[in-house]
Amino acid sequence: MIRIEGQPILTAAEMRAAEDAVIATGVSVDTLMERAGTAIAHAVRRLAGSNDVLILCGPGNNGGDGYVAARVLAEMGATVRIAALSEPKTDAAKAARAGWSGPVETLADAQPAPILVDALFGTGLTRALGVIETTSQASNPRRSPRTRGPRIGRQARRWNLAGPPRPRGNGPLLRSFTPSSPPPSSASP
């Protein structure tokens, strides 16, 4: 376990092991996704208030968490949009996508929003991103007008997933958290 800004952070391998242990007890991936997405939605609502939200969804379970978060935020009365990198690839992510009744924009066509939730990639990412990394860098608030406010990262995809966290790409996410740890108390960096 590593500490960043005084908070314990699990490595990607530790997080996968923790999720596998929970699944081994009989909890389904769908249930975990529902819990994660709901936790994200509540944290976003606390941080974002009534601001519009744009959620960037990837093709895996991290993207599925984003679809659930969007659905829950919409149920809470938030104005929320989704921009997806591609169609979901996992069964759980496909089910989460099916639960979202709103439109899905392409990542390239997404318009700015005051709050950006990054649900593009999670602990399952084990390869270099190549063109996808170049595309996803558009979500970096220092390099793109896609967001005018806080960026909330579902998981820190800019960290090296093979071992201890090391900044990759354009550096760490701003105010990143996962549903298993308490979200930051304010949106200020």
Foldseek 3Di string as FASTA:
>chain_A
DDADPRRDDDALVRVVVVVVVVVVVPQDLLNVLLLQLLLVLVVCCLAPPQWEEEEEAAQESLSLSSLNVQLNNVVVVHHYAYAYCDHHDDPSSNVSNVSRPDDYHHLVPQAATQEYEYSHDGSVDQDDDVVNVVSCCCVQVVNHRNHDFAYEYQHFPQFNRVDDGDGHDPGTHQQYDHSVDDGDNYRDD
